[in-house]
Amino acid sequence: MRLPLINAKARLILAHGAGASASSCFMTTLTEALAAHHIEVQRFNFPYMQRSIDLGRRRPPDKMPVLQQHFIEQITRVDDSLPLFIAGKSMGGRVASMLNLPDNQKVKAIFAFGYPFHPPGKTQWRTAHFDSLSIPLHVLQGERDPFGKPRELAGTGWPKVRIHWLTSADHDFKPTKISGLQQQDIIKAAAAYCSEVIDEILLAGK
């Protein structure tokens, strides 16, 4: 599913998280927020999610190689009319970051909206591939995200990884009541940051 834009400056292929489809409220709100910054978003469902929708019951995610292959298929299908970026919510962002794209200049950068650095309360880190990334990975992470908080990531550093912290947000970008913010505000802030990074990359490429 794609939201076509007449004045788009870039195209972003956006993958969903483990438990909600490409049509979820979060994905729809993020798509609209990115479109406001002239970023054309193309969403898709991984095979297991489409089966869940078709059968009317939840199914666990496919194995990583299957998820990766399906993501690659989305990339190969798009044309070169716009600069291309890839992204994902939680699991979708992890899949995007693990794609083997060393010789693919088609993809300019990766965005992860809430990266699952580790399962909540556990120390099984999912960052082993970060040192070998071939293109930049920009992580937009809530300060209260149980999958990776500021204090846990303090002192870490990877050559191609940049983390941008979202005030008061959890893994789904929902803020605390005391912050006075709404989830939509956080998603809009994430989209604005994403747009700024894309502008930097496009400007550097001129």
Foldseek 3Di string as FASTA:
>chain_A
DKDDDPQAQAEEEEEEDFPDACPDPLNVLLQVLLVVLRYIYHYDGQVQVVVCVVVVHHDGDDDLVSLLVVVVVVVVPDDQPHQYEYEYQAVRQLSVQPHPCQPPPSHAEYEYEQYQQDPQPDDPGSCPCQQVGNHAYEYEHECAESSDHPVRCPPDDHPRYDYDYQYQQYSSQAHDVVVVDGSSVSSSVVSVVVSVVVVVSVVVVD
